[in-house]
Amino acid sequence: MMEFDMVLIFVRDMARALEYYVNLLGFRLTSHKTIFEASEDMFAVVEGYGVRLGLHLDEEATAGRDKIVFRVESIDDAVQFLQDRGIPYTGPVEVAEGIYEVVIKDPDGREISIVSYG
């Protein structure tokens, strides 16, 4: 079954974002890595206060690009669930090594990601 995973936040400067969320707000850094062959840290996960935030580097980031992410055990089962209900989706695609994503949109066009880690 599907469960809430994280809020994905696009940031312009990863070091500045980590300073803010970890050192100022007290979140704990739980993952920090490049994505595929990127030359710099592209993605980090911070956790605290009962929430996970995914920080994704995008030098042209603007407010409003953030999205909800749900985690599933099987991306294939998630696709079948969407197909059975006639919900349009894109994917699945491998967004990072071993991480697969399907994207749906809510009625207002907001992207909602469904991901499988492995």
C-alpha atoms as a PDB file:
ATOM      1  CA  MET A   1       0.000   0.000   0.000  1.00  0.00           C
ATOM      2  CA  MET A   2       1.041   3.587  -0.442  1.00  0.00           C
ATOM      3  CA  GLU A   3       2.415   5.710   2.387  1.00  0.00           C
ATOM      4  CA  PHE A   4       3.611   9.295   2.629  1.00  0.00           C
ATOM      5  CA  ASP A   5       7.325   9.609   1.929  1.00  0.00           C
ATOM      6  CA  MET A   6       8.532  13.215   1.756  1.00  0.00           C
ATOM      7  CA  VAL A   7       8.038  16.739   0.500  1.00  0.00           C
ATOM      8  CA  LEU A   8      10.435  17.499  -2.353  1.00  0.00           C
ATOM      9  CA  ILE A   9      11.858  21.018  -2.291  1.00  0.00           C
ATOM     10  CA  PHE A  10      13.854  22.473  -5.174  1.00  0.00           C
ATOM     11  CA  VAL A  11      16.759  24.614  -3.953  1.00  0.00           C
ATOM     12  CA  ARG A  12      19.190  26.932  -5.768  1.00  0.00           C
ATOM     13  CA  ASP A  13      22.157  26.346  -3.472  1.00  0.00           C
ATOM     14  CA  MET A  14      22.546  22.978  -1.736  1.00  0.00           C
ATOM     15  CA  ALA A  15      25.117  24.179   0.819  1.00  0.00           C
ATOM     16  CA  ARG A  16      22.909  27.095   1.821  1.00  0.00           C
ATOM     17  CA  ALA A  17      19.837  24.844   2.054  1.00  0.00           C
ATOM     18  CA  LEU A  18      21.678  22.322   4.248  1.00  0.00           C
ATOM     19  CA  GLU A  19      22.979  25.094   6.478  1.00  0.00           C
ATOM     20  CA  TYR A  20      19.421  26.337   6.919  1.00  0.00           C
ATOM     21  CA  TYR A  21      17.599  23.042   7.460  1.00  0.00           C
ATOM     22  CA  VAL A  22      20.300  21.176   9.407  1.00  0.00           C
ATOM     23  CA  ASN A  23      22.213  23.826  11.344  1.00  0.00           C
ATOM     24  CA  LEU A  24      19.473  26.399  11.854  1.00  0.00           C
ATOM     25  CA  LEU A  25      16.258  24.371  12.043  1.00  0.00           C
ATOM     26  CA  GLY A  26      17.766  21.221  13.552  1.00  0.00           C
ATOM     27  CA  PHE A  27      16.883  18.655  10.894  1.00  0.00           C
ATOM     28  CA  ARG A  28      19.139  15.594  10.633  1.00  0.00           C
ATOM     29  CA  LEU A  29      20.911  14.891   7.318  1.00  0.00           C
ATOM     30  CA  THR A  30      20.113  11.283   6.348  1.00  0.00           C
ATOM     31  CA  SER A  31      21.146  11.120   2.673  1.00  0.00           C
ATOM     32  CA  HIS A  32      23.362  13.272   0.496  1.00  0.00           C
ATOM     33  CA  LYS A  33      24.488  12.245  -2.978  1.00  0.00           C
ATOM     34  CA  THR A  34      24.946  12.995  -6.591  1.00  0.00           C
ATOM     35  CA  ILE A  35      22.433  11.689  -9.098  1.00  0.00           C
ATOM     36  CA  PHE A  36      23.910   9.541 -11.866  1.00  0.00           C
ATOM     37  CA  GLU A  37      27.016  11.310 -13.217  1.00  0.00           C
ATOM     38  CA  ALA A  38      26.407  14.784 -11.750  1.00  0.00           C
ATOM     39  CA  SER A  39      29.559  16.603 -10.723  1.00  0.00           C
ATOM     40  CA  GLU A  40      28.081  18.038  -7.535  1.00  0.00           C
ATOM     41  CA  ASP A  41      25.712  17.065  -4.781  1.00  0.00           C
ATOM     42  CA  MET A  42      22.272  17.114  -6.362  1.00  0.00           C
ATOM     43  CA  PHE A  43      20.023  15.612  -3.710  1.00  0.00           C
ATOM     44  CA  ALA A  44      19.824  15.420   0.067  1.00  0.00           C
ATOM     45  CA  VAL A  45      17.257  14.151   2.530  1.00  0.00           C
ATOM     46  CA  VAL A  46      16.826  15.785   5.919  1.00  0.00           C
ATOM     47  CA  GLU A  47      14.528  14.489   8.628  1.00  0.00           C
ATOM     48  CA  GLY A  48      13.060  16.026  11.722  1.00  0.00           C
ATOM     49  CA  TYR A  49       9.859  16.908  13.512  1.00  0.00           C
ATOM     50  CA  GLY A  50       8.125  13.873  11.989  1.00  0.00           C
ATOM     51  CA  VAL A  51       8.775  14.867   8.362  1.00  0.00           C
ATOM     52  CA  ARG A  52      11.265  14.066   5.590  1.00  0.00           C
ATOM     53  CA  LEU A  53      12.315  16.794   3.196  1.00  0.00           C
ATOM     54  CA  GLY A  54      13.997  15.969  -0.098  1.00  0.00           C
ATOM     55  CA  LEU A  55      16.251  18.839  -1.179  1.00  0.00           C
ATOM     56  CA  HIS A  56      16.892  18.781  -4.931  1.00  0.00           C
ATOM     57  CA  LEU A  57      19.417  21.145  -6.481  1.00  0.00           C
ATOM     58  CA  ASP A  58      18.053  23.263  -9.323  1.00  0.00           C
ATOM     59  CA  GLU A  59      19.882  26.542  -9.885  1.00  0.00           C
ATOM     60  CA  GLU A  60      16.755  27.994 -11.499  1.00  0.00           C
ATOM     61  CA  ALA A  61      14.436  26.857  -8.710  1.00  0.00           C
ATOM     62  CA  THR A  62      11.461  29.002  -7.876  1.00  0.00           C
ATOM     63  CA  ALA A  63       8.846  28.587  -5.193  1.00  0.00           C
ATOM     64  CA  GLY A  64       5.893  26.509  -6.312  1.00  0.00           C
ATOM     65  CA  ARG A  65       7.773  23.596  -7.897  1.00  0.00           C
ATOM     66  CA  ASP A  66       7.623  21.512  -4.746  1.00  0.00           C
ATOM     67  CA  LYS A  67       5.682  18.248  -4.784  1.00  0.00           C
ATOM     68  CA  ILE A  68       4.331  15.451  -2.642  1.00  0.00           C
ATOM     69  CA  VAL A  69       6.095  12.078  -2.844  1.00  0.00           C
ATOM     70  CA  PHE A  70       4.581   8.730  -1.859  1.00  0.00           C
ATOM     71  CA  ARG A  71       6.672   5.581  -1.392  1.00  0.00           C
ATOM     72  CA  VAL A  72       5.580   2.115  -2.548  1.00  0.00           C
ATOM     73  CA  GLU A  73       7.232  -1.299  -2.313  1.00  0.00           C
ATOM     74  CA  SER A  74       6.587  -2.091  -5.991  1.00  0.00           C
ATOM     75  CA  ILE A  75       6.442   0.473  -8.786  1.00  0.00           C
ATOM     76  CA  ASP A  76       4.784  -2.187 -10.976  1.00  0.00           C
ATOM     77  CA  ASP A  77       1.957  -2.589  -8.459  1.00  0.00           C
ATOM     78  CA  ALA A  78       1.563   1.203  -8.339  1.00  0.00           C
ATOM     79  CA  VAL A  79       1.278   1.355 -12.128  1.00  0.00           C
ATOM     80  CA  GLN A  80      -1.346  -1.404 -12.053  1.00  0.00           C
ATOM     81  CA  PHE A  81      -3.270   0.503  -9.359  1.00  0.00           C
ATOM     82  CA  LEU A  82      -3.277   3.642 -11.545  1.00  0.00           C
ATOM     83  CA  GLN A  83      -4.256   1.714 -14.680  1.00  0.00           C
ATOM     84  CA  ASP A  84      -7.106  -0.057 -12.865  1.00  0.00           C
ATOM     85  CA  ARG A  85      -8.552   3.322 -11.898  1.00  0.00           C
ATOM     86  CA  GLY A  86      -7.917   5.067 -15.210  1.00  0.00           C
ATOM     87  CA  ILE A  87      -5.560   7.618 -13.648  1.00  0.00           C
ATOM     88  CA  PRO A  88      -3.198   9.153 -16.224  1.00  0.00           C
ATOM     89  CA  TYR A  89       0.496   8.911 -15.341  1.00  0.00           C
ATOM     90  CA  THR A  90       3.974   9.240 -16.790  1.00  0.00           C
ATOM     91  CA  GLY A  91       6.744   6.739 -16.213  1.00  0.00           C
ATOM     92  CA  PRO A  92       7.944   4.694 -14.654  1.00  0.00           C
ATOM     93  CA  VAL A  93      11.420   6.099 -15.099  1.00  0.00           C
ATOM     94  CA  GLU A  94      14.637   5.489 -13.192  1.00  0.00           C
ATOM     95  CA  VAL A  95      15.346   8.920 -11.672  1.00  0.00           C
ATOM     96  CA  ALA A  96      18.482   7.800  -9.823  1.00  0.00           C
ATOM     97  CA  GLU A  97      20.209   4.470  -9.482  1.00  0.00           C
ATOM     98  CA  GLY A  98      17.600   2.016  -8.207  1.00  0.00           C
ATOM     99  CA  ILE A  99      14.930   4.685  -7.661  1.00  0.00           C
ATOM    100  CA  TYR A 100      11.880   4.454  -9.928  1.00  0.00           C
ATOM    101  CA  GLU A 101       9.192   7.103 -10.228  1.00  0.00           C
ATOM    102  CA  VAL A 102       5.707   7.422 -11.643  1.00  0.00           C
ATOM    103  CA  VAL A 103       4.162  10.895 -11.784  1.00  0.00           C
ATOM    104  CA  ILE A 104       0.475  11.761 -11.615  1.00  0.00           C
ATOM    105  CA  LYS A 105      -1.184  15.170 -11.442  1.00  0.00           C
ATOM    106  CA  ASP A 106      -3.902  16.351  -9.126  1.00  0.00           C
ATOM    107  CA  PRO A 107      -6.886  18.279 -10.528  1.00  0.00           C
ATOM    108  CA  ASP A 108      -4.941  21.560 -10.244  1.00  0.00           C
ATOM    109  CA  GLY A 109      -1.975  20.182 -12.184  1.00  0.00           C
ATOM    110  CA  ARG A 110       0.276  19.680  -9.144  1.00  0.00           C
ATOM    111  CA  GLU A 111       2.663  16.787  -9.626  1.00  0.00           C
ATOM    112  CA  ILE A 112       2.510  13.891  -7.183  1.00  0.00           C
ATOM    113  CA  SER A 113       5.359  11.380  -7.349  1.00  0.00           C
ATOM    114  CA  ILE A 114       5.102   7.709  -6.483  1.00  0.00           C
ATOM    115  CA  VAL A 115       8.538   6.173  -5.939  1.00  0.00           C
ATOM    116  CA  SER A 116      10.072   2.792  -5.265  1.00  0.00           C
ATOM    117  CA  TYR A 117      13.571   2.474  -3.777  1.00  0.00           C
ATOM    118  CA  GLY A 118      14.949  -0.702  -5.254  1.00  0.00           C
END
